[in-house]
PDB file of N, CA and C in Angstrom:
ATOM      1  N   MET A   1       4.130 -17.720  17.791  1.00  0.00           N
ATOM      2  CA  MET A   1       3.884 -16.431  17.079  1.00  0.00           C
ATOM      3  C   MET A   1       3.099 -15.372  18.074  1.00  0.00           C
ATOM      4  N   GLU A   2       3.552 -14.374  18.032  1.00  0.00           N
ATOM      5  CA  GLU A   2       3.119 -13.300  18.810  1.00  0.00           C
ATOM      6  C   GLU A   2       2.430 -12.209  18.117  1.00  0.00           C
ATOM      7  N   THR A   3       1.443 -11.413  18.694  1.00  0.00           N
ATOM      8  CA  THR A   3       0.741 -10.248  18.124  1.00  0.00           C
ATOM      9  C   THR A   3       1.429  -9.098  18.598  1.00  0.00           C
ATOM     10  N   TYR A   4       1.713  -8.054  17.738  1.00  0.00           N
ATOM     11  CA  TYR A   4       2.303  -6.858  18.094  1.00  0.00           C
ATOM     12  C   TYR A   4       1.531  -5.810  17.489  1.00  0.00           C
ATOM     13  N   ALA A   5       1.547  -4.576  18.120  1.00  0.00           N
ATOM     14  CA  ALA A   5       0.783  -3.374  17.625  1.00  0.00           C
ATOM     15  C   ALA A   5       1.958  -2.406  17.189  1.00  0.00           C
ATOM     16  N   ILE A   6       1.728  -1.732  16.111  1.00  0.00           N
ATOM     17  CA  ILE A   6       2.575  -0.962  15.466  1.00  0.00           C
ATOM     18  C   ILE A   6       1.853   0.333  15.227  1.00  0.00           C
ATOM     19  N   THR A   7       2.487   1.314  15.563  1.00  0.00           N
ATOM     20  CA  THR A   7       1.672   2.817  15.277  1.00  0.00           C
ATOM     21  C   THR A   7       2.951   3.635  14.916  1.00  0.00           C
ATOM     22  N   PHE A   8       2.523   4.527  13.936  1.00  0.00           N
ATOM     23  CA  PHE A   8       3.574   5.532  13.512  1.00  0.00           C
ATOM     24  C   PHE A   8       3.099   6.756  13.096  1.00  0.00           C
ATOM     25  N   TYR A   9       3.988   7.740  13.072  1.00  0.00           N
ATOM     26  CA  TYR A   9       3.508   9.246  12.641  1.00  0.00           C
ATOM     27  C   TYR A   9       4.614   9.614  11.799  1.00  0.00           C
ATOM     28  N   LEU A  10       4.222  10.158  10.705  1.00  0.00           N
ATOM     29  CA  LEU A  10       5.197  10.747   9.753  1.00  0.00           C
ATOM     30  C   LEU A  10       5.083  12.241   9.834  1.00  0.00           C
ATOM     31  N   ASN A  11       5.976  12.922  10.339  1.00  0.00           N
ATOM     32  CA  ASN A  11       6.123  14.353  10.456  1.00  0.00           C
ATOM     33  C   ASN A  11       6.165  15.044   9.004  1.00  0.00           C
ATOM     34  N   GLU A  12       5.064  15.472   8.705  1.00  0.00           N
ATOM     35  CA  GLU A  12       4.760  16.421   7.363  1.00  0.00           C
ATOM     36  C   GLU A  12       5.719  17.380   7.178  1.00  0.00           C
ATOM     37  N   HIS A  13       6.380  18.073   8.241  1.00  0.00           N
ATOM     38  CA  HIS A  13       7.278  19.249   8.127  1.00  0.00           C
ATOM     39  C   HIS A  13       8.581  18.807   8.010  1.00  0.00           C
ATOM     40  N   SER A  14       8.875  17.451   7.978  1.00  0.00           N
ATOM     41  CA  SER A  14      10.473  17.177   7.774  1.00  0.00           C
ATOM     42  C   SER A  14      10.668  17.081   6.206  1.00  0.00           C
ATOM     43  N   HIS A  15      11.949  17.103   5.868  1.00  0.00           N
ATOM     44  CA  HIS A  15      12.492  17.056   4.590  1.00  0.00           C
ATOM     45  C   HIS A  15      13.689  16.305   4.489  1.00  0.00           C
ATOM     46  N   SER A  16      14.138  15.824   3.343  1.00  0.00           N
ATOM     47  CA  SER A  16      15.488  15.103   3.297  1.00  0.00           C
ATOM     48  C   SER A  16      16.381  15.767   2.378  1.00  0.00           C
ATOM     49  N   CYS A  17      16.416  17.003   2.397  1.00  0.00           N
ATOM     50  CA  CYS A  17      17.379  17.658   1.408  1.00  0.00           C
ATOM     51  C   CYS A  17      18.781  17.648   1.984  1.00  0.00           C
ATOM     52  N   GLY A  18      18.920  17.468   3.350  1.00  0.00           N
ATOM     53  CA  GLY A  18      20.340  17.321   3.882  1.00  0.00           C
ATOM     54  C   GLY A  18      21.008  18.571   4.350  1.00  0.00           C
ATOM     55  N   CYS A  19      20.285  19.656   4.016  1.00  0.00           N
ATOM     56  CA  CYS A  19      20.969  20.838   4.416  1.00  0.00           C
ATOM     57  C   CYS A  19      20.929  21.131   5.909  1.00  0.00           C
ATOM     58  N   GLU A  20      21.677  21.866   6.384  1.00  0.00           N
ATOM     59  CA  GLU A  20      21.805  22.213   7.852  1.00  0.00           C
ATOM     60  C   GLU A  20      21.366  23.452   8.373  1.00  0.00           C
ATOM     61  N   ASN A  21      21.407  24.551   7.476  1.00  0.00           N
ATOM     62  CA  ASN A  21      20.888  25.883   7.826  1.00  0.00           C
ATOM     63  C   ASN A  21      19.788  26.332   7.176  1.00  0.00           C
ATOM     64  N   HIS A  22      19.146  25.504   6.517  1.00  0.00           N
ATOM     65  CA  HIS A  22      17.781  25.674   5.941  1.00  0.00           C
ATOM     66  C   HIS A  22      17.718  27.130   5.162  1.00  0.00           C
ATOM     67  N   ASP A  23      18.914  27.368   4.545  1.00  0.00           N
ATOM     68  CA  ASP A  23      19.040  28.718   3.777  1.00  0.00           C
ATOM     69  C   ASP A  23      18.486  28.760   2.430  1.00  0.00           C
ATOM     70  N   HIS A  24      17.588  27.733   1.984  1.00  0.00           N
ATOM     71  CA  HIS A  24      16.723  27.755   0.663  1.00  0.00           C
ATOM     72  C   HIS A  24      15.425  27.271   1.069  1.00  0.00           C
ATOM     73  N   GLU A  25      14.591  27.598   0.047  1.00  0.00           N
ATOM     74  CA  GLU A  25      12.998  27.198   0.293  1.00  0.00           C
ATOM     75  C   GLU A  25      12.900  25.703   0.138  1.00  0.00           C
ATOM     76  N   HIS A  26      11.991  25.150   0.971  1.00  0.00           N
ATOM     77  CA  HIS A  26      11.625  23.829   0.772  1.00  0.00           C
ATOM     78  C   HIS A  26      10.143  23.591   0.419  1.00  0.00           C
ATOM     79  N   HIS A  27       9.979  22.644  -0.333  1.00  0.00           N
ATOM     80  CA  HIS A  27       8.568  22.456  -0.909  1.00  0.00           C
ATOM     81  C   HIS A  27       8.083  20.986  -0.147  1.00  0.00           C
ATOM     82  N   HIS A  28       7.288  21.317   0.789  1.00  0.00           N
ATOM     83  CA  HIS A  28       6.758  20.264   1.616  1.00  0.00           C
ATOM     84  C   HIS A  28       5.668  19.425   0.919  1.00  0.00           C
ATOM     85  N   HIS A  29       5.667  18.263   0.866  1.00  0.00           N
ATOM     86  CA  HIS A  29       4.768  17.460   0.347  1.00  0.00           C
ATOM     87  C   HIS A  29       4.140  16.443   1.206  1.00  0.00           C
ATOM     88  N   HIS A  30       3.055  15.783   0.931  1.00  0.00           N
ATOM     89  CA  HIS A  30       2.367  14.693   1.778  1.00  0.00           C
ATOM     90  C   HIS A  30       3.348  13.746   1.708  1.00  0.00           C
ATOM     91  N   ARG A  31       3.914  13.059   2.804  1.00  0.00           N
ATOM     92  CA  ARG A  31       4.890  11.880   2.749  1.00  0.00           C
ATOM     93  C   ARG A  31       4.114  10.622   2.552  1.00  0.00           C
ATOM     94  N   ASP A  32       4.617   9.604   1.611  1.00  0.00           N
ATOM     95  CA  ASP A  32       4.068   8.517   1.481  1.00  0.00           C
ATOM     96  C   ASP A  32       4.579   7.493   2.450  1.00  0.00           C
ATOM     97  N   ASP A  33       3.603   6.689   2.985  1.00  0.00           N
ATOM     98  CA  ASP A  33       3.929   5.507   3.928  1.00  0.00           C
ATOM     99  C   ASP A  33       3.948   4.131   3.398  1.00  0.00           C
ATOM    100  N   TYR A  34       3.870   4.166   2.061  1.00  0.00           N
ATOM    101  CA  TYR A  34       3.975   2.912   1.423  1.00  0.00           C
ATOM    102  C   TYR A  34       5.077   1.858   1.747  1.00  0.00           C
ATOM    103  N   ASP A  35       6.438   2.421   1.813  1.00  0.00           N
ATOM    104  CA  ASP A  35       7.468   1.465   2.338  1.00  0.00           C
ATOM    105  C   ASP A  35       7.154   0.981   3.735  1.00  0.00           C
ATOM    106  N   ILE A  36       6.799   1.737   4.681  1.00  0.00           N
ATOM    107  CA  ILE A  36       6.405   1.320   6.131  1.00  0.00           C
ATOM    108  C   ILE A  36       5.428   0.334   5.958  1.00  0.00           C
ATOM    109  N   VAL A  37       4.128   0.508   5.219  1.00  0.00           N
ATOM    110  CA  VAL A  37       3.150  -0.337   5.451  1.00  0.00           C
ATOM    111  C   VAL A  37       3.508  -1.724   4.617  1.00  0.00           C
ATOM    112  N   SER A  38       4.243  -1.607   3.638  1.00  0.00           N
ATOM    113  CA  SER A  38       4.673  -2.850   2.961  1.00  0.00           C
ATOM    114  C   SER A  38       5.591  -3.678   3.829  1.00  0.00           C
ATOM    115  N   THR A  39       6.269  -2.978   4.553  1.00  0.00           N
ATOM    116  CA  THR A  39       7.234  -3.693   5.536  1.00  0.00           C
ATOM    117  C   THR A  39       6.437  -4.413   6.530  1.00  0.00           C
ATOM    118  N   ILE A  40       5.380  -3.658   6.971  1.00  0.00           N
ATOM    119  CA  ILE A  40       4.543  -4.267   8.065  1.00  0.00           C
ATOM    120  C   ILE A  40       3.927  -5.532   7.547  1.00  0.00           C
ATOM    121  N   LYS A  41       3.252  -5.357   6.500  1.00  0.00           N
ATOM    122  CA  LYS A  41       2.491  -6.558   5.691  1.00  0.00           C
ATOM    123  C   LYS A  41       3.308  -7.569   5.345  1.00  0.00           C
ATOM    124  N   SER A  42       4.553  -7.416   5.261  1.00  0.00           N
ATOM    125  CA  SER A  42       5.442  -8.431   5.032  1.00  0.00           C
ATOM    126  C   SER A  42       5.706  -9.408   6.090  1.00  0.00           C
ATOM    127  N   LEU A  43       5.608  -8.893   7.334  1.00  0.00           N
ATOM    128  CA  LEU A  43       5.955  -9.651   8.663  1.00  0.00           C
ATOM    129  C   LEU A  43       5.151 -10.710   8.947  1.00  0.00           C
ATOM    130  N   GLY A  44       3.783 -10.790   8.445  1.00  0.00           N
ATOM    131  CA  GLY A  44       2.823 -11.910   8.723  1.00  0.00           C
ATOM    132  C   GLY A  44       1.446 -11.460   8.357  1.00  0.00           C
ATOM    133  N   SER A  45       0.479 -12.238   9.140  1.00  0.00           N
ATOM    134  CA  SER A  45      -0.627 -11.726   9.133  1.00  0.00           C
ATOM    135  C   SER A  45      -0.986 -10.420   9.857  1.00  0.00           C
ATOM    136  N   TRP A  46      -1.793  -9.555   9.238  1.00  0.00           N
ATOM    137  CA  TRP A  46      -1.721  -8.149   9.642  1.00  0.00           C
ATOM    138  C   TRP A  46      -3.167  -7.653   9.637  1.00  0.00           C
ATOM    139  N   ALA A  47      -3.454  -6.471  10.399  1.00  0.00           N
ATOM    140  CA  ALA A  47      -4.836  -5.920  10.471  1.00  0.00           C
ATOM    141  C   ALA A  47      -4.305  -4.417  10.670  1.00  0.00           C
ATOM    142  N   ASN A  48      -5.200  -3.535   9.838  1.00  0.00           N
ATOM    143  CA  ASN A  48      -5.119  -2.107  10.043  1.00  0.00           C
ATOM    144  C   ASN A  48      -6.272  -1.623  10.781  1.00  0.00           C
ATOM    145  N   PHE A  49      -6.125  -1.503  12.218  1.00  0.00           N
ATOM    146  CA  PHE A  49      -7.120  -1.326  13.060  1.00  0.00           C
ATOM    147  C   PHE A  49      -7.369   0.119  13.398  1.00  0.00           C
ATOM    148  N   MET A  50      -6.442   1.273  13.077  1.00  0.00           N
ATOM    149  CA  MET A  50      -6.723   2.527  13.261  1.00  0.00           C
ATOM    150  C   MET A  50      -5.780   3.291  12.184  1.00  0.00           C
ATOM    151  N   PRO A  51      -6.052   4.603  11.875  1.00  0.00           N
ATOM    152  CA  PRO A  51      -5.011   5.145  11.007  1.00  0.00           C
ATOM    153  C   PRO A  51      -3.645   4.999  11.376  1.00  0.00           C
ATOM    154  N   ASP A  52      -2.717   4.624  10.472  1.00  0.00           N
ATOM    155  CA  ASP A  52      -1.320   4.475  10.871  1.00  0.00           C
ATOM    156  C   ASP A  52      -1.112   3.722  11.956  1.00  0.00           C
ATOM    157  N   SER A  53      -1.890   2.537  12.309  1.00  0.00           N
ATOM    158  CA  SER A  53      -1.908   1.641  13.255  1.00  0.00           C
ATOM    159  C   SER A  53      -2.260   0.306  12.956  1.00  0.00           C
ATOM    160  N   TYR A  54      -1.341  -0.632  13.211  1.00  0.00           N
ATOM    161  CA  TYR A  54      -1.570  -2.004  12.572  1.00  0.00           C
ATOM    162  C   TYR A  54      -1.280  -3.115  13.721  1.00  0.00           C
ATOM    163  N   LEU A  55      -1.776  -4.097  13.525  1.00  0.00           N
ATOM    164  CA  LEU A  55      -1.563  -5.392  14.304  1.00  0.00           C
ATOM    165  C   LEU A  55      -0.897  -6.202  13.381  1.00  0.00           C
ATOM    166  N   VAL A  56       0.096  -6.989  13.971  1.00  0.00           N
ATOM    167  CA  VAL A  56       0.679  -8.093  13.038  1.00  0.00           C
ATOM    168  C   VAL A  56       1.210  -9.286  13.936  1.00  0.00           C
ATOM    169  N   LYS A  57       0.900 -10.433  13.311  1.00  0.00           N
ATOM    170  CA  LYS A  57       1.239 -11.792  14.011  1.00  0.00           C
ATOM    171  C   LYS A  57       2.638 -12.196  13.372  1.00  0.00           C
ATOM    172  N   THR A  58       3.651 -12.226  14.179  1.00  0.00           N
ATOM    173  CA  THR A  58       4.904 -12.635  13.612  1.00  0.00           C
ATOM    174  C   THR A  58       5.818 -13.264  14.695  1.00  0.00           C
ATOM    175  N   ASP A  59       6.871 -13.828  14.107  1.00  0.00           N
ATOM    176  CA  ASP A  59       7.849 -14.690  15.110  1.00  0.00           C
ATOM    177  C   ASP A  59       9.008 -13.698  15.468  1.00  0.00           C
ATOM    178  N   ILE A  60       9.149 -12.517  14.943  1.00  0.00           N
ATOM    179  CA  ILE A  60      10.224 -11.693  15.210  1.00  0.00           C
ATOM    180  C   ILE A  60       9.833 -10.556  16.355  1.00  0.00           C
ATOM    181  N   SER A  61      10.753 -10.071  17.107  1.00  0.00           N
ATOM    182  CA  SER A  61      10.495  -9.301  18.238  1.00  0.00           C
ATOM    183  C   SER A  61      10.100  -7.950  17.953  1.00  0.00           C
ATOM    184  N   ALA A  62       9.690  -7.251  18.960  1.00  0.00           N
ATOM    185  CA  ALA A  62       9.441  -5.760  18.761  1.00  0.00           C
ATOM    186  C   ALA A  62      10.654  -4.898  18.285  1.00  0.00           C
ATOM    187  N   LYS A  63      11.715  -5.267  18.831  1.00  0.00           N
ATOM    188  CA  LYS A  63      12.987  -4.453  18.403  1.00  0.00           C
ATOM    189  C   LYS A  63      13.338  -4.915  17.037  1.00  0.00           C
ATOM    190  N   ASP A  64      13.076  -5.868  16.510  1.00  0.00           N
ATOM    191  CA  ASP A  64      13.317  -6.345  15.149  1.00  0.00           C
ATOM    192  C   ASP A  64      12.329  -5.815  14.159  1.00  0.00           C
ATOM    193  N   ILE A  65      11.166  -5.502  14.640  1.00  0.00           N
ATOM    194  CA  ILE A  65      10.067  -4.865  13.891  1.00  0.00           C
ATOM    195  C   ILE A  65      10.555  -3.409  13.805  1.00  0.00           C
ATOM    196  N   SER A  66      10.965  -2.846  14.754  1.00  0.00           N
ATOM    197  CA  SER A  66      11.433  -1.504  14.705  1.00  0.00           C
ATOM    198  C   SER A  66      12.671  -1.181  13.779  1.00  0.00           C
ATOM    199  N   GLU A  67      13.589  -2.111  14.008  1.00  0.00           N
ATOM    200  CA  GLU A  67      14.659  -2.112  13.114  1.00  0.00           C
ATOM    201  C   GLU A  67      14.343  -2.192  11.527  1.00  0.00           C
ATOM    202  N   LYS A  68      13.428  -2.850  11.233  1.00  0.00           N
ATOM    203  CA  LYS A  68      12.993  -2.891   9.886  1.00  0.00           C
ATOM    204  C   LYS A  68      12.359  -1.818   9.494  1.00  0.00           C
ATOM    205  N   ILE A  69      11.520  -1.121  10.329  1.00  0.00           N
ATOM    206  CA  ILE A  69      10.869  -0.026   9.843  1.00  0.00           C
ATOM    207  C   ILE A  69      11.562   1.418   9.966  1.00  0.00           C
ATOM    208  N   LYS A  70      12.612   1.568  10.848  1.00  0.00           N
ATOM    209  CA  LYS A  70      13.248   2.811  11.124  1.00  0.00           C
ATOM    210  C   LYS A  70      13.971   3.220   9.887  1.00  0.00           C
ATOM    211  N   VAL A  71      14.356   2.305   9.043  1.00  0.00           N
ATOM    212  CA  VAL A  71      15.177   2.943   7.780  1.00  0.00           C
ATOM    213  C   VAL A  71      14.288   3.712   6.981  1.00  0.00           C
ATOM    214  N   PHE A  72      13.048   3.788   7.165  1.00  0.00           N
ATOM    215  CA  PHE A  72      12.102   4.611   6.440  1.00  0.00           C
ATOM    216  C   PHE A  72      11.673   5.951   6.974  1.00  0.00           C
ATOM    217  N   LEU A  73      12.163   6.005   8.170  1.00  0.00           N
ATOM    218  CA  LEU A  73      11.682   7.260   9.097  1.00  0.00           C
ATOM    219  C   LEU A  73      12.764   8.454   8.871  1.00  0.00           C
ATOM    220  N   GLU A  74      12.247   9.592   9.173  1.00  0.00           N
ATOM    221  CA  GLU A  74      13.215  10.686   9.043  1.00  0.00           C
ATOM    222  C   GLU A  74      12.882  11.476  10.546  1.00  0.00           C
ATOM    223  N   THR A  75      13.749  12.446  10.595  1.00  0.00           N
ATOM    224  CA  THR A  75      13.770  13.180  11.954  1.00  0.00           C
ATOM    225  C   THR A  75      12.353  13.620  12.145  1.00  0.00           C
ATOM    226  N   GLY A  76      11.918  13.555  13.409  1.00  0.00           N
ATOM    227  CA  GLY A  76      10.627  14.144  13.796  1.00  0.00           C
ATOM    228  C   GLY A  76       9.514  13.127  13.647  1.00  0.00           C
ATOM    229  N   ASP A  77       9.797  12.047  12.951  1.00  0.00           N
ATOM    230  CA  ASP A  77       8.805  10.910  12.765  1.00  0.00           C
ATOM    231  C   ASP A  77       8.634  10.093  14.083  1.00  0.00           C
ATOM    232  N   LEU A  78       7.722   9.405  14.354  1.00  0.00           N
ATOM    233  CA  LEU A  78       7.564   8.604  15.638  1.00  0.00           C
ATOM    234  C   LEU A  78       6.985   7.159  15.168  1.00  0.00           C
ATOM    235  N   LEU A  79       7.587   6.264  16.093  1.00  0.00           N
ATOM    236  CA  LEU A  79       7.289   4.838  15.955  1.00  0.00           C
ATOM    237  C   LEU A  79       7.141   4.208  17.302  1.00  0.00           C
ATOM    238  N   PHE A  80       6.084   3.462  17.453  1.00  0.00           N
ATOM    239  CA  PHE A  80       5.922   2.616  18.733  1.00  0.00           C
ATOM    240  C   PHE A  80       5.593   1.153  18.410  1.00  0.00           C
ATOM    241  N   VAL A  81       6.213   0.306  18.932  1.00  0.00           N
ATOM    242  CA  VAL A  81       5.951  -1.334  18.629  1.00  0.00           C
ATOM    243  C   VAL A  81       5.932  -1.934  20.030  1.00  0.00           C
ATOM    244  N   THR A  82       4.831  -2.624  20.334  1.00  0.00           N
ATOM    245  CA  THR A  82       4.625  -3.381  21.556  1.00  0.00           C
ATOM    246  C   THR A  82       3.968  -4.567  21.322  1.00  0.00           C
ATOM    247  N   LYS A  83       4.430  -5.630  22.210  1.00  0.00           N
ATOM    248  CA  LYS A  83       3.564  -6.957  22.100  1.00  0.00           C
ATOM    249  C   LYS A  83       2.320  -6.754  22.887  1.00  0.00           C
ATOM    250  N   VAL A  84       1.271  -7.470  22.364  1.00  0.00           N
ATOM    251  CA  VAL A  84      -0.096  -7.375  22.683  1.00  0.00           C
ATOM    252  C   VAL A  84      -0.395  -8.592  23.521  1.00  0.00           C
ATOM    253  N   CYS A  85      -0.896  -8.358  24.705  1.00  0.00           N
ATOM    254  CA  CYS A  85      -1.236  -9.392  25.779  1.00  0.00           C
ATOM    255  C   CYS A  85      -2.739  -9.862  25.361  1.00  0.00           C
ATOM    256  N   LYS A  86      -2.891 -11.091  24.840  1.00  0.00           N
ATOM    257  CA  LYS A  86      -4.256 -11.519  24.522  1.00  0.00           C
ATOM    258  C   LYS A  86      -5.095 -11.574  25.692  1.00  0.00           C
ATOM    259  N   ASP A  87      -4.491 -11.880  26.921  1.00  0.00           N
ATOM    260  CA  ASP A  87      -5.409 -11.949  28.159  1.00  0.00           C
ATOM    261  C   ASP A  87      -5.959 -10.664  28.666  1.00  0.00           C
ATOM    262  N   ASP A  88      -5.421  -9.476  28.240  1.00  0.00           N
ATOM    263  CA  ASP A  88      -5.657  -8.068  28.739  1.00  0.00           C
ATOM    264  C   ASP A  88      -5.678  -7.129  27.579  1.00  0.00           C
ATOM    265  N   VAL A  89      -6.940  -7.222  26.674  1.00  0.00           N
ATOM    266  CA  VAL A  89      -6.913  -6.404  25.764  1.00  0.00           C
ATOM    267  C   VAL A  89      -8.443  -5.838  25.506  1.00  0.00           C
ATOM    268  N   ALA A  90      -8.513  -4.716  25.165  1.00  0.00           N
ATOM    269  CA  ALA A  90      -9.852  -4.123  25.088  1.00  0.00           C
ATOM    270  C   ALA A  90      -9.723  -3.204  23.742  1.00  0.00           C
ATOM    271  N   SER A  91     -11.002  -3.106  22.926  1.00  0.00           N
ATOM    272  CA  SER A  91     -11.007  -2.317  21.915  1.00  0.00           C
ATOM    273  C   SER A  91     -12.469  -1.974  21.356  1.00  0.00           C
ATOM    274  N   LEU A  92     -12.644  -0.696  21.114  1.00  0.00           N
ATOM    275  CA  LEU A  92     -14.071  -0.421  20.633  1.00  0.00           C
ATOM    276  C   LEU A  92     -14.107  -0.471  19.191  1.00  0.00           C
ATOM    277  N   THR A  93     -13.012  -0.869  18.533  1.00  0.00           N
ATOM    278  CA  THR A  93     -13.105  -0.929  17.074  1.00  0.00           C
ATOM    279  C   THR A  93     -13.558  -2.427  16.807  1.00  0.00           C
ATOM    280  N   PRO A  94     -14.766  -2.662  15.985  1.00  0.00           N
ATOM    281  CA  PRO A  94     -15.217  -4.030  15.969  1.00  0.00           C
ATOM    282  C   PRO A  94     -14.207  -4.814  15.202  1.00  0.00           C
ATOM    283  N   GLY A  95     -14.336  -6.063  15.758  1.00  0.00           N
ATOM    284  CA  GLY A  95     -13.341  -7.273  15.272  1.00  0.00           C
ATOM    285  C   GLY A  95     -11.958  -7.299  15.692  1.00  0.00           C
ATOM    286  N   VAL A  96     -11.607  -6.051  16.360  1.00  0.00           N
ATOM    287  CA  VAL A  96     -10.091  -6.185  16.828  1.00  0.00           C
ATOM    288  C   VAL A  96      -9.776  -7.237  17.819  1.00  0.00           C
ATOM    289  N   VAL A  97     -10.617  -7.257  18.740  1.00  0.00           N
ATOM    290  CA  VAL A  97     -10.149  -8.250  20.006  1.00  0.00           C
ATOM    291  C   VAL A  97     -10.212  -9.635  19.322  1.00  0.00           C
ATOM    292  N   GLU A  98     -11.386  -9.990  18.605  1.00  0.00           N
ATOM    293  CA  GLU A  98     -11.495 -11.203  17.929  1.00  0.00           C
ATOM    294  C   GLU A  98     -10.410 -11.653  16.947  1.00  0.00           C
ATOM    295  N   TRP A  99      -9.876 -10.804  16.211  1.00  0.00           N
ATOM    296  CA  TRP A  99      -8.711 -10.801  15.349  1.00  0.00           C
ATOM    297  C   TRP A  99      -7.541 -11.249  16.389  1.00  0.00           C
ATOM    298  N   ILE A 100      -7.166 -10.487  17.239  1.00  0.00           N
ATOM    299  CA  ILE A 100      -6.065 -10.675  18.152  1.00  0.00           C
ATOM    300  C   ILE A 100      -6.148 -12.033  18.762  1.00  0.00           C
ATOM    301  N   ASN A 101      -7.377 -12.582  19.039  1.00  0.00           N
ATOM    302  CA  ASN A 101      -7.639 -13.846  19.821  1.00  0.00           C
ATOM    303  C   ASN A 101      -7.650 -15.250  18.724  1.00  0.00           C
ATOM    304  N   SER A 102      -7.627 -14.721  17.340  1.00  0.00           N
ATOM    305  CA  SER A 102      -7.761 -15.741  16.397  1.00  0.00           C
ATOM    306  C   SER A 102      -6.633 -16.612  16.177  1.00  0.00           C
TER     307      SER A 102
END
């Protein structure tokens, strides 16, 4: 089982009306990250170590994690997933290094 860091950003200015020329008014709203967070939490043991940033212990690859999450992303959203090396990790957030090494 490996530990992965997952961080994402949801572009608040995106919309999903499907228009191409934006010839009508858009009502922007705060986007909900429920589906993304639920997907991350379903992968295995998890920790929310920073806003919109999670650690997860799972048997699947970074690419597979990305594939599961990208279905909830829209144009302009960002996602980064990487394996965490237990032998070379540092954090000023209390408990993070201990959680990674547990």
